[in-house]
N, C-alpha and C. Protein backbone atom coordinates (compact mmCIF):
# COMPACT_ATOMS: atom_id res chain seq x y z
N MET A 1 35.52 87.65 -7.44
CA MET A 1 35.09 87.62 -6.03
C MET A 1 33.55 87.55 -5.97
N PRO A 2 33.03 86.45 -5.47
CA PRO A 2 31.57 86.30 -5.41
C PRO A 2 30.92 87.22 -4.39
N GLY A 3 31.64 87.56 -3.32
CA GLY A 3 31.06 88.40 -2.27
C GLY A 3 30.75 89.80 -2.78
N ARG A 4 31.66 90.32 -3.62
CA ARG A 4 31.46 91.68 -4.14
C ARG A 4 30.27 91.71 -5.09
N LYS A 5 30.14 90.69 -5.92
CA LYS A 5 29.03 90.63 -6.87
C LYS A 5 27.70 90.55 -6.12
N GLU A 6 27.68 89.83 -5.01
CA GLU A 6 26.46 89.69 -4.21
C GLU A 6 26.06 91.03 -3.59
N SER A 7 27.04 91.81 -3.13
CA SER A 7 26.72 93.10 -2.51
C SER A 7 26.21 94.09 -3.55
N ILE A 8 26.75 94.01 -4.77
CA ILE A 8 26.26 94.88 -5.84
C ILE A 8 24.82 94.54 -6.17
N ARG A 9 24.51 93.24 -6.20
CA ARG A 9 23.14 92.83 -6.49
C ARG A 9 22.20 93.28 -5.38
N ASN A 10 22.65 93.22 -4.13
CA ASN A 10 21.82 93.65 -3.01
C ASN A 10 21.57 95.15 -3.06
N SER A 11 22.58 95.93 -3.44
CA SER A 11 22.40 97.38 -3.50
C SER A 11 21.44 97.75 -4.62
N TYR A 12 21.52 97.03 -5.75
CA TYR A 12 20.56 97.27 -6.83
C TYR A 12 19.14 96.96 -6.37
N PHE A 13 18.99 95.89 -5.58
CA PHE A 13 17.67 95.51 -5.09
C PHE A 13 17.11 96.56 -4.14
N ILE A 14 17.98 97.13 -3.29
CA ILE A 14 17.55 98.18 -2.36
C ILE A 14 17.13 99.43 -3.13
N ILE A 15 17.92 99.80 -4.15
CA ILE A 15 17.56 100.96 -4.98
C ILE A 15 16.23 100.74 -5.66
N PHE A 16 15.99 99.50 -6.16
CA PHE A 16 14.73 99.19 -6.82
C PHE A 16 13.57 99.30 -5.84
N LEU A 17 13.77 98.84 -4.60
CA LEU A 17 12.71 98.92 -3.59
C LEU A 17 12.37 100.37 -3.27
N ILE A 18 13.41 101.22 -3.12
CA ILE A 18 13.18 102.63 -2.82
C ILE A 18 12.44 103.31 -3.97
N TRP A 19 12.84 102.96 -5.22
CA TRP A 19 12.19 103.53 -6.41
C TRP A 19 10.73 103.12 -6.48
N LEU A 20 10.46 101.84 -6.19
CA LEU A 20 9.09 101.33 -6.23
C LEU A 20 8.24 102.00 -5.15
N THR A 21 8.81 102.15 -3.94
CA THR A 21 8.08 102.80 -2.85
C THR A 21 7.76 104.25 -3.21
N GLY A 22 8.71 104.94 -3.85
CA GLY A 22 8.49 106.32 -4.25
C GLY A 22 7.35 106.45 -5.25
N ILE A 23 7.31 105.54 -6.22
CA ILE A 23 6.24 105.57 -7.23
C ILE A 23 4.89 105.31 -6.57
N ILE A 24 4.83 104.36 -5.63
CA ILE A 24 3.57 104.06 -4.94
C ILE A 24 3.11 105.27 -4.14
N LEU A 25 4.05 105.94 -3.46
CA LEU A 25 3.69 107.13 -2.68
C LEU A 25 3.19 108.24 -3.59
N ILE A 26 3.84 108.44 -4.74
CA ILE A 26 3.41 109.49 -5.67
C ILE A 26 2.02 109.18 -6.21
N LEU A 27 1.77 107.91 -6.56
CA LEU A 27 0.47 107.54 -7.11
C LEU A 27 -0.62 107.69 -6.06
N ASN A 28 -0.29 107.45 -4.79
CA ASN A 28 -1.27 107.62 -3.73
C ASN A 28 -1.52 109.10 -3.43
N PHE A 29 -0.50 109.94 -3.66
CA PHE A 29 -0.60 111.36 -3.31
C PHE A 29 -1.30 112.15 -4.42
N LEU A 30 -1.13 111.74 -5.68
CA LEU A 30 -1.66 112.51 -6.81
C LEU A 30 -3.17 112.70 -6.78
N PRO A 31 -3.99 111.67 -6.52
CA PRO A 31 -5.44 111.90 -6.54
C PRO A 31 -5.91 112.87 -5.46
N ILE A 32 -5.14 113.00 -4.37
CA ILE A 32 -5.52 113.89 -3.28
C ILE A 32 -5.36 115.35 -3.73
N GLN A 33 -4.28 115.62 -4.49
CA GLN A 33 -4.02 116.98 -4.96
C GLN A 33 -5.06 117.42 -5.97
N ASP A 34 -5.52 118.65 -5.84
CA ASP A 34 -6.43 119.21 -6.84
C ASP A 34 -5.59 119.78 -7.97
N PRO A 35 -5.82 119.36 -9.20
CA PRO A 35 -4.97 119.82 -10.32
C PRO A 35 -5.08 121.32 -10.54
N ASP A 36 -6.21 121.93 -10.15
CA ASP A 36 -6.40 123.36 -10.38
C ASP A 36 -5.67 124.21 -9.34
N THR A 37 -5.41 123.65 -8.17
CA THR A 37 -4.77 124.44 -7.12
C THR A 37 -3.31 124.69 -7.42
N LEU A 38 -2.57 123.64 -7.74
CA LEU A 38 -1.14 123.77 -7.99
C LEU A 38 -0.81 123.22 -9.36
N SER A 39 -0.13 124.04 -10.16
CA SER A 39 0.41 123.54 -11.42
C SER A 39 1.77 122.92 -11.12
N LEU A 40 2.32 122.21 -12.09
CA LEU A 40 3.60 121.53 -11.89
C LEU A 40 4.72 122.54 -11.61
N GLU A 41 4.68 123.69 -12.30
CA GLU A 41 5.72 124.70 -12.10
C GLU A 41 5.67 125.27 -10.68
N GLU A 42 4.46 125.48 -10.15
CA GLU A 42 4.33 126.01 -8.80
C GLU A 42 4.83 125.01 -7.78
N MET A 43 4.59 123.71 -8.03
CA MET A 43 5.07 122.68 -7.11
C MET A 43 6.59 122.64 -7.10
N ILE A 44 7.21 122.85 -8.27
CA ILE A 44 8.68 122.83 -8.35
C ILE A 44 9.25 124.03 -7.60
N GLU A 45 8.60 125.20 -7.71
CA GLU A 45 9.09 126.39 -7.02
C GLU A 45 8.98 126.24 -5.52
N LEU A 46 7.95 125.54 -5.03
CA LEU A 46 7.83 125.30 -3.60
C LEU A 46 8.90 124.32 -3.17
């Protein structure tokens, strides 16, 4: 069934877009954070 294969490809593309957007947001947010204020463990606890 070609229709099912197309929908699977579209869902993979959407997941890739969300993943890419998340990485861009993280990279934009990291320089703003002061590394001395919050350690990684404290961020996880919050």
